[in-house]
PDB file of N, CA and C in Angstrom:
ATOM      1  N   MET A   1      27.872-114.952 133.894  1.00  0.00           N
ATOM      2  CA  MET A   1      29.042-114.100 133.893  1.00  0.00           C
ATOM      3  C   MET A   1      29.682-114.156 135.275  1.00  0.00           C
ATOM      4  N   GLU A   2      30.981-114.175 135.282  1.00  0.00           N
ATOM      5  CA  GLU A   2      31.757-114.276 136.501  1.00  0.00           C
ATOM      6  C   GLU A   2      32.789-113.152 136.502  1.00  0.00           C
ATOM      7  N   ALA A   3      32.938-112.448 137.616  1.00  0.00           N
ATOM      8  CA  ALA A   3      33.910-111.356 137.695  1.00  0.00           C
ATOM      9  C   ALA A   3      34.780-111.541 138.933  1.00  0.00           C
ATOM     10  N   HIS A   4      36.056-111.248 138.779  1.00  0.00           N
ATOM     11  CA  HIS A   4      37.022-111.350 139.866  1.00  0.00           C
ATOM     12  C   HIS A   4      37.818-110.052 139.899  1.00  0.00           C
ATOM     13  N   GLU A   5      37.994-109.500 141.090  1.00  0.00           N
ATOM     14  CA  GLU A   5      38.739-108.249 141.240  1.00  0.00           C
ATOM     15  C   GLU A   5      39.833-108.427 142.284  1.00  0.00           C
ATOM     16  N   TRP A   6      40.943-107.712 142.071  1.00  0.00           N
ATOM     17  CA  TRP A   6      42.021-107.690 143.036  1.00  0.00           C
ATOM     18  C   TRP A   6      42.754-106.368 142.894  1.00  0.00           C
ATOM     19  N   ARG A   7      43.605-106.086 143.868  1.00  0.00           N
ATOM     20  CA  ARG A   7      44.358-104.827 143.836  1.00  0.00           C
ATOM     21  C   ARG A   7      45.813-105.087 144.164  1.00  0.00           C
ATOM     22  N   GLU A   8      46.649-104.180 143.668  1.00  0.00           N
ATOM     23  CA  GLU A   8      48.085-104.251 143.918  1.00  0.00           C
ATOM     24  C   GLU A   8      48.597-102.851 144.208  1.00  0.00           C
ATOM     25  N   LYS A   9      49.540-102.762 145.103  1.00  0.00           N
ATOM     26  CA  LYS A   9      50.188-101.485 145.398  1.00  0.00           C
ATOM     27  C   LYS A   9      51.278-101.253 144.361  1.00  0.00           C
ATOM     28  N   THR A  10      51.298-100.073 143.748  1.00  0.00           N
ATOM     29  CA  THR A  10      52.322 -99.705 142.778  1.00  0.00           C
ATOM     30  C   THR A  10      52.873 -98.337 143.149  1.00  0.00           C
ATOM     31  N   GLU A  11      53.886 -97.896 142.414  1.00  0.00           N
ATOM     32  CA  GLU A  11      54.455 -96.569 142.652  1.00  0.00           C
ATOM     33  C   GLU A  11      53.451 -95.470 142.344  1.00  0.00           C
ATOM     34  N   GLU A  12      52.533 -95.755 141.410  1.00  0.00           N
ATOM     35  CA  GLU A  12      51.512 -94.778 141.026  1.00  0.00           C
ATOM     36  C   GLU A  12      50.382 -94.700 142.046  1.00  0.00           C
ATOM     37  N   GLY A  13      50.258 -95.703 142.884  1.00  0.00           N
ATOM     38  CA  GLY A  13      49.164 -95.804 143.846  1.00  0.00           C
ATOM     39  C   GLY A  13      48.547 -97.187 143.774  1.00  0.00           C
ATOM     40  N   THR A  14      47.396 -97.343 144.358  1.00  0.00           N
ATOM     41  CA  THR A  14      46.719 -98.627 144.333  1.00  0.00           C
ATOM     42  C   THR A  14      46.091 -98.846 142.967  1.00  0.00           C
ATOM     43  N   ARG A  15      46.456 -99.959 142.329  1.00  0.00           N
ATOM     44  CA  ARG A  15      45.914-100.310 141.012  1.00  0.00           C
ATOM     45  C   ARG A  15      44.936-101.471 141.191  1.00  0.00           C
ATOM     46  N   TYR A  16      43.765-101.313 140.607  1.00  0.00           N
ATOM     47  CA  TYR A  16      42.729-102.333 140.668  1.00  0.00           C
ATOM     48  C   TYR A  16      42.659-103.068 139.338  1.00  0.00           C
ATOM     49  N   PHE A  17      42.434-104.376 139.426  1.00  0.00           N
ATOM     50  CA  PHE A  17      42.291-105.216 138.240  1.00  0.00           C
ATOM     51  C   PHE A  17      40.951-105.932 138.306  1.00  0.00           C
ATOM     52  N   ARG A  18      40.371-106.173 137.145  1.00  0.00           N
ATOM     53  CA  ARG A  18      39.112-106.908 137.047  1.00  0.00           C
ATOM     54  C   ARG A  18      39.232-107.882 135.872  1.00  0.00           C
ATOM     55  N   ALA A  19      38.859-109.124 136.130  1.00  0.00           N
ATOM     56  CA  ALA A  19      38.805-110.141 135.077  1.00  0.00           C
ATOM     57  C   ALA A  19      37.375-110.652 135.019  1.00  0.00           C
ATOM     58  N   THR A  20      36.777-110.602 133.838  1.00  0.00           N
ATOM     59  CA  THR A  20      35.394-111.012 133.649  1.00  0.00           C
ATOM     60  C   THR A  20      35.351-112.183 132.679  1.00  0.00           C
ATOM     61  N   HIS A  21      34.668-113.245 133.084  1.00  0.00           N
ATOM     62  CA  HIS A  21      34.524-114.439 132.261  1.00  0.00           C
ATOM     63  C   HIS A  21      33.095-114.489 131.760  1.00  0.00           C
ATOM     64  N   HIS A  22      32.940-114.454 130.434  1.00  0.00           N
ATOM     65  CA  HIS A  22      31.602-114.486 129.838  1.00  0.00           C
ATOM     66  C   HIS A  22      31.690-115.162 128.469  1.00  0.00           C
ATOM     67  N   ALA A  23      30.789-116.069 128.221  1.00  0.00           N
ATOM     68  CA  ALA A  23      30.690-116.782 126.943  1.00  0.00           C
ATOM     69  C   ALA A  23      32.008-117.457 126.557  1.00  0.00           C
ATOM     70  N   GLY A  24      32.696-118.032 127.539  1.00  0.00           N
ATOM     71  CA  GLY A  24      33.916-118.772 127.272  1.00  0.00           C
ATOM     72  C   GLY A  24      35.159-117.929 127.087  1.00  0.00           C
ATOM     73  N   GLY A  25      35.056-116.617 127.232  1.00  0.00           N
ATOM     74  CA  GLY A  25      36.219-115.747 127.059  1.00  0.00           C
ATOM     75  C   GLY A  25      36.448-114.866 128.279  1.00  0.00           C
ATOM     76  N   TRP A  26      37.651-114.345 128.384  1.00  0.00           N
ATOM     77  CA  TRP A  26      38.024-113.474 129.502  1.00  0.00           C
ATOM     78  C   TRP A  26      38.304-112.071 128.992  1.00  0.00           C
ATOM     79  N   LYS A  27      37.904-111.076 129.777  1.00  0.00           N
ATOM     80  CA  LYS A  27      38.249-109.679 129.519  1.00  0.00           C
ATOM     81  C   LYS A  27      38.909-109.138 130.776  1.00  0.00           C
ATOM     82  N   PHE A  28      40.022-108.443 130.582  1.00  0.00           N
ATOM     83  CA  PHE A  28      40.756-107.862 131.692  1.00  0.00           C
ATOM     84  C   PHE A  28      40.666-106.344 131.620  1.00  0.00           C
ATOM     85  N   GLN A  29      40.560-105.714 132.791  1.00  0.00           N
ATOM     86  CA  GLN A  29      40.527-104.263 132.896  1.00  0.00           C
ATOM     87  C   GLN A  29      41.388-103.836 134.072  1.00  0.00           C
ATOM     88  N   LYS A  30      41.815-102.570 134.041  1.00  0.00           N
ATOM     89  CA  LYS A  30      42.588-102.035 135.151  1.00  0.00           C
ATOM     90  C   LYS A  30      42.243-100.560 135.341  1.00  0.00           C
ATOM     91  N   THR A  31      42.499-100.076 136.543  1.00  0.00           N
ATOM     92  CA  THR A  31      42.306 -98.667 136.855  1.00  0.00           C
ATOM     93  C   THR A  31      43.132 -98.334 138.088  1.00  0.00           C
ATOM     94  N   LEU A  32      43.340 -97.062 138.288  1.00  0.00           N
ATOM     95  CA  LEU A  32      43.969 -96.589 139.521  1.00  0.00           C
ATOM     96  C   LEU A  32      42.863 -96.151 140.475  1.00  0.00           C
ATOM     97  N   LYS A  33      43.170 -96.145 141.753  1.00  0.00           N
ATOM     98  CA  LYS A  33      42.184 -95.735 142.742  1.00  0.00           C
ATOM     99  C   LYS A  33      41.688 -94.311 142.463  1.00  0.00           C
ATOM    100  N   THR A  34      42.571 -93.470 141.937  1.00  0.00           N
ATOM    101  CA  THR A  34      42.228 -92.069 141.677  1.00  0.00           C
ATOM    102  C   THR A  34      41.513 -91.864 140.345  1.00  0.00           C
ATOM    103  N   ASP A  35      41.438 -92.898 139.510  1.00  0.00           N
ATOM    104  CA  ASP A  35      40.839 -92.781 138.178  1.00  0.00           C
ATOM    105  C   ASP A  35      39.520 -93.562 138.138  1.00  0.00           C
ATOM    106  N   PRO A  36      38.401 -92.917 137.861  1.00  0.00           N
ATOM    107  CA  PRO A  36      37.112 -93.621 137.874  1.00  0.00           C
ATOM    108  C   PRO A  36      36.878 -94.513 136.640  1.00  0.00           C
ATOM    109  N   ASP A  37      37.646 -94.329 135.567  1.00  0.00           N
ATOM    110  CA  ASP A  37      37.432 -95.088 134.333  1.00  0.00           C
ATOM    111  C   ASP A  37      38.300 -96.343 134.299  1.00  0.00           C
ATOM    112  N   TRP A  38      37.700 -97.440 133.822  1.00  0.00           N
ATOM    113  CA  TRP A  38      38.419 -98.699 133.666  1.00  0.00           C
ATOM    114  C   TRP A  38      39.021 -98.753 132.267  1.00  0.00           C
ATOM    115  N   GLU A  39      40.264 -99.208 132.190  1.00  0.00           N
ATOM    116  CA  GLU A  39      40.988 -99.332 130.917  1.00  0.00           C
ATOM    117  C   GLU A  39      41.076-100.809 130.539  1.00  0.00           C
ATOM    118  N   GLN A  40      40.707-101.132 129.303  1.00  0.00           N
ATOM    119  CA  GLN A  40      40.775-102.510 128.820  1.00  0.00           C
ATOM    120  C   GLN A  40      42.235-102.942 128.667  1.00  0.00           C
ATOM    121  N   ILE A  41      42.508-104.203 128.960  1.00  0.00           N
ATOM    122  CA  ILE A  41      43.821-104.796 128.722  1.00  0.00           C
ATOM    123  C   ILE A  41      43.621-105.801 127.584  1.00  0.00           C
ATOM    124  N   PRO A  42      43.944-105.418 126.343  1.00  0.00           N
ATOM    125  CA  PRO A  42      43.638-106.299 125.206  1.00  0.00           C
ATOM    126  C   PRO A  42      44.458-107.597 125.184  1.00  0.00           C
ATOM    127  N   HIS A  43      45.706-107.540 125.620  1.00  0.00           N
ATOM    128  CA  HIS A  43      46.574-108.721 125.602  1.00  0.00           C
ATOM    129  C   HIS A  43      47.219-108.889 126.976  1.00  0.00           C
ATOM    130  N   PRO A  44      46.526-109.557 127.909  1.00  0.00           N
ATOM    131  CA  PRO A  44      47.088-109.734 129.248  1.00  0.00           C
ATOM    132  C   PRO A  44      48.376-110.552 129.209  1.00  0.00           C
ATOM    133  N   ASP A  45      49.332-110.174 130.050  1.00  0.00           N
ATOM    134  CA  ASP A  45      50.593-110.913 130.108  1.00  0.00           C
ATOM    135  C   ASP A  45      50.460-112.125 131.034  1.00  0.00           C
ATOM    136  N   ALA A  46      51.509-112.920 131.088  1.00  0.00           N
ATOM    137  CA  ALA A  46      51.489-114.155 131.875  1.00  0.00           C
ATOM    138  C   ALA A  46      51.285-113.864 133.361  1.00  0.00           C
ATOM    139  N   GLU A  47      51.828-112.754 133.837  1.00  0.00           N
ATOM    140  CA  GLU A  47      51.695-112.408 135.256  1.00  0.00           C
ATOM    141  C   GLU A  47      50.219-112.196 135.633  1.00  0.00           C
ATOM    142  N   LEU A  48      49.467-111.525 134.776  1.00  0.00           N
ATOM    143  CA  LEU A  48      48.038-111.320 135.053  1.00  0.00           C
ATOM    144  C   LEU A  48      47.282-112.650 135.058  1.00  0.00           C
ATOM    145  N   TRP A  49      47.595-113.494 134.089  1.00  0.00           N
ATOM    146  CA  TRP A  49      46.943-114.809 134.038  1.00  0.00           C
ATOM    147  C   TRP A  49      47.277-115.635 135.276  1.00  0.00           C
ATOM    148  N   MET A  50      48.521-115.583 135.723  1.00  0.00           N
ATOM    149  CA  MET A  50      48.928-116.349 136.904  1.00  0.00           C
ATOM    150  C   MET A  50      48.229-115.812 138.163  1.00  0.00           C
ATOM    151  N   THR A  51      48.091-114.495 138.254  1.00  0.00           N
ATOM    152  CA  THR A  51      47.394-113.907 139.401  1.00  0.00           C
ATOM    153  C   THR A  51      45.936-114.351 139.414  1.00  0.00           C
ATOM    154  N   LEU A  52      45.282-114.297 138.251  1.00  0.00           N
ATOM    155  CA  LEU A  52      43.898-114.749 138.158  1.00  0.00           C
ATOM    156  C   LEU A  52      43.789-116.226 138.521  1.00  0.00           C
ATOM    157  N   ARG A  53      44.725-117.029 138.020  1.00  0.00           N
ATOM    158  CA  ARG A  53      44.695-118.460 138.328  1.00  0.00           C
ATOM    159  C   ARG A  53      44.821-118.696 139.834  1.00  0.00           C
ATOM    160  N   ASP A  54      45.686-117.938 140.484  1.00  0.00           N
ATOM    161  CA  ASP A  54      45.873-118.063 141.934  1.00  0.00           C
ATOM    162  C   ASP A  54      44.571-117.725 142.672  1.00  0.00           C
ATOM    163  N   ILE A  55      43.902-116.672 142.244  1.00  0.00           N
ATOM    164  CA  ILE A  55      42.628-116.278 142.860  1.00  0.00           C
ATOM    165  C   ILE A  55      41.590-117.381 142.673  1.00  0.00           C
ATOM    166  N   LEU A  56      41.509-117.914 141.463  1.00  0.00           N
ATOM    167  CA  LEU A  56      40.540-118.978 141.179  1.00  0.00           C
ATOM    168  C   LEU A  56      40.866-120.256 141.944  1.00  0.00           C
ATOM    169  N   TRP A  57      42.168-120.550 142.097  1.00  0.00           N
ATOM    170  CA  TRP A  57      42.575-121.747 142.840  1.00  0.00           C
ATOM    171  C   TRP A  57      42.144-121.632 144.299  1.00  0.00           C
ATOM    172  N   LYS A  58      42.315-120.450 144.882  1.00  0.00           N
ATOM    173  CA  LYS A  58      41.910-120.259 146.282  1.00  0.00           C
ATOM    174  C   LYS A  58      40.399-120.391 146.435  1.00  0.00           C
ATOM    175  N   ARG A  59      39.658-119.901 145.455  1.00  0.00           N
ATOM    176  CA  ARG A  59      38.200-120.060 145.479  1.00  0.00           C
ATOM    177  C   ARG A  59      37.813-121.528 145.360  1.00  0.00           C
ATOM    178  N   TYR A  60      38.491-122.233 144.488  1.00  0.00           N
ATOM    179  CA  TYR A  60      38.213-123.661 144.300  1.00  0.00           C
ATOM    180  C   TYR A  60      38.463-124.426 145.599  1.00  0.00           C
ATOM    181  N   GLN A  61      39.527-124.092 146.305  1.00  0.00           N
ATOM    182  CA  GLN A  61      39.838-124.776 147.562  1.00  0.00           C
ATOM    183  C   GLN A  61      38.755-124.538 148.614  1.00  0.00           C
ATOM    184  N   ARG A  62      38.103-123.396 148.548  1.00  0.00           N
ATOM    185  CA  ARG A  62      37.011-123.094 149.486  1.00  0.00           C
ATOM    186  C   ARG A  62      35.663-123.601 148.951  1.00  0.00           C
ATOM    187  N   LYS A  63      35.714-124.384 147.876  1.00  0.00           N
ATOM    188  CA  LYS A  63      34.524-124.939 147.228  1.00  0.00           C
ATOM    189  C   LYS A  63      33.585-123.839 146.726  1.00  0.00           C
ATOM    190  N   ARG A  64      34.178-122.774 146.190  1.00  0.00           N
ATOM    191  CA  ARG A  64      33.408-121.658 145.656  1.00  0.00           C
ATOM    192  C   ARG A  64      33.680-121.432 144.164  1.00  0.00           C
ATOM    193  N   GLY A  65      34.393-122.375 143.543  1.00  0.00           N
ATOM    194  CA  GLY A  65      34.716-122.214 142.132  1.00  0.00           C
ATOM    195  C   GLY A  65      34.855-123.548 141.431  1.00  0.00           C
ATOM    196  N   SER A  66      34.954-123.481 140.121  1.00  0.00           N
ATOM    197  CA  SER A  66      35.028-124.665 139.283  1.00  0.00           C
ATOM    198  C   SER A  66      36.477-124.968 138.885  1.00  0.00           C
ATOM    199  N   TYR A  67      36.835-126.235 138.963  1.00  0.00           N
ATOM    200  CA  TYR A  67      38.173-126.632 138.541  1.00  0.00           C
ATOM    201  C   TYR A  67      38.318-126.571 137.020  1.00  0.00           C
ATOM    202  N   ALA A  68      37.203-126.680 136.304  1.00  0.00           N
ATOM    203  CA  ALA A  68      37.243-126.651 134.839  1.00  0.00           C
ATOM    204  C   ALA A  68      37.827-125.333 134.329  1.00  0.00           C
ATOM    205  N   ILE A  69      37.513-124.236 134.978  1.00  0.00           N
ATOM    206  CA  ILE A  69      38.052-122.932 134.557  1.00  0.00           C
ATOM    207  C   ILE A  69      39.561-122.886 134.798  1.00  0.00           C
ATOM    208  N   ILE A  70      40.002-123.444 135.906  1.00  0.00           N
ATOM    209  CA  ILE A  70      41.438-123.482 136.206  1.00  0.00           C
ATOM    210  C   ILE A  70      42.168-124.299 135.140  1.00  0.00           C
ATOM    211  N   GLU A  71      41.584-125.421 134.740  1.00  0.00           N
ATOM    212  CA  GLU A  71      42.199-126.251 133.691  1.00  0.00           C
ATOM    213  C   GLU A  71      42.323-125.481 132.381  1.00  0.00           C
ATOM    214  N   LYS A  72      41.303-124.707 132.034  1.00  0.00           N
ATOM    215  CA  LYS A  72      41.354-123.914 130.802  1.00  0.00           C
ATOM    216  C   LYS A  72      42.451-122.867 130.867  1.00  0.00           C
ATOM    217  N   ILE A  73      42.603-122.227 132.015  1.00  0.00           N
ATOM    218  CA  ILE A  73      43.665-121.225 132.169  1.00  0.00           C
ATOM    219  C   ILE A  73      45.030-121.901 132.111  1.00  0.00           C
ATOM    220  N   ASP A  74      45.156-123.087 132.708  1.00  0.00           N
ATOM    221  CA  ASP A  74      46.422-123.829 132.641  1.00  0.00           C
ATOM    222  C   ASP A  74      46.801-124.136 131.192  1.00  0.00           C
ATOM    223  N   LYS A  75      45.822-124.564 130.397  1.00  0.00           N
ATOM    224  CA  LYS A  75      46.086-124.864 128.982  1.00  0.00           C
ATOM    225  C   LYS A  75      46.497-123.602 128.231  1.00  0.00           C
ATOM    226  N   LEU A  76      45.824-122.494 128.514  1.00  0.00           N
ATOM    227  CA  LEU A  76      46.162-121.232 127.871  1.00  0.00           C
ATOM    228  C   LEU A  76      47.583-120.788 128.245  1.00  0.00           C
ATOM    229  N   LEU A  77      47.941-120.906 129.521  1.00  0.00           N
ATOM    230  CA  LEU A  77      49.285-120.530 129.965  1.00  0.00           C
ATOM    231  C   LEU A  77      50.347-121.372 129.277  1.00  0.00           C
ATOM    232  N   GLU A  78      50.082-122.673 129.153  1.00  0.00           N
ATOM    233  CA  GLU A  78      51.063-123.550 128.517  1.00  0.00           C
ATOM    234  C   GLU A  78      51.174-123.257 127.023  1.00  0.00           C
ATOM    235  N   LYS A  79      50.033-123.047 126.371  1.00  0.00           N
ATOM    236  CA  LYS A  79      50.030-122.810 124.921  1.00  0.00           C
ATOM    237  C   LYS A  79      50.625-121.444 124.564  1.00  0.00           C
ATOM    238  N   ASP A  80      50.191-120.394 125.247  1.00  0.00           N
ATOM    239  CA  ASP A  80      50.588-119.034 124.875  1.00  0.00           C
ATOM    240  C   ASP A  80      51.914-118.573 125.479  1.00  0.00           C
ATOM    241  N   PHE A  81      52.244-119.077 126.678  1.00  0.00           N
ATOM    242  CA  PHE A  81      53.427-118.567 127.367  1.00  0.00           C
ATOM    243  C   PHE A  81      54.457-119.645 127.707  1.00  0.00           C
ATOM    244  N   GLY A  82      54.138-120.909 127.459  1.00  0.00           N
ATOM    245  CA  GLY A  82      55.061-121.989 127.768  1.00  0.00           C
ATOM    246  C   GLY A  82      55.210-122.231 129.264  1.00  0.00           C
ATOM    247  N   ILE A  83      54.210-121.812 130.036  1.00  0.00           N
ATOM    248  CA  ILE A  83      54.253-121.967 131.495  1.00  0.00           C
ATOM    249  C   ILE A  83      53.314-123.100 131.875  1.00  0.00           C
ATOM    250  N   LYS A  84      53.841-124.026 132.664  1.00  0.00           N
ATOM    251  CA  LYS A  84      53.012-125.116 133.149  1.00  0.00           C
ATOM    252  C   LYS A  84      52.885-124.966 134.659  1.00  0.00           C
ATOM    253  N   PRO A  85      51.751-124.425 135.133  1.00  0.00           N
ATOM    254  CA  PRO A  85      51.574-124.279 136.583  1.00  0.00           C
ATOM    255  C   PRO A  85      51.620-125.628 137.257  1.00  0.00           C
ATOM    256  N   ASP A  86      52.247-125.663 138.415  1.00  0.00           N
ATOM    257  CA  ASP A  86      52.358-126.931 139.127  1.00  0.00           C
ATOM    258  C   ASP A  86      52.254-126.688 140.626  1.00  0.00           C
ATOM    259  N   GLY A  87      52.232-127.786 141.353  1.00  0.00           N
ATOM    260  CA  GLY A  87      52.252-127.695 142.800  1.00  0.00           C
ATOM    261  C   GLY A  87      50.877-127.698 143.449  1.00  0.00           C
ATOM    262  N   ASP A  88      49.885-127.105 142.831  1.00  0.00           N
ATOM    263  CA  ASP A  88      48.590-127.055 143.489  1.00  0.00           C
ATOM    264  C   ASP A  88      47.492-127.726 142.674  1.00  0.00           C
ATOM    265  N   ASN A  89      47.846-128.476 141.673  1.00  0.00           N
ATOM    266  CA  ASN A  89      46.847-129.092 140.814  1.00  0.00           C
ATOM    267  C   ASN A  89      46.275-130.396 141.376  1.00  0.00           C
ATOM    268  N   GLU A  90      46.844-130.921 142.411  1.00  0.00           N
ATOM    269  CA  GLU A  90      46.372-132.210 142.934  1.00  0.00           C
ATOM    270  C   GLU A  90      45.371-132.004 144.033  1.00  0.00           C
TER     271      GLU A  90
END
């Protein structure tokens, strides 16, 4: 199992995101800094997938991640959202 977390500043406060990869699938969750409970994101949008891909790409560049996972996310982005990430695949 692999987990990745990041945070973003919003009008509501600091929002935390978590993406967990297990058994070939991804689960996304979110919470606010003030809320102790994590909320499931059943259908992540393209922006969340792109953010996760960026995090994984940076890990891959530091030799701390697998390129195979990035390729799977690229295929998912192209199939589900019509987005073809470019520029950092080489």
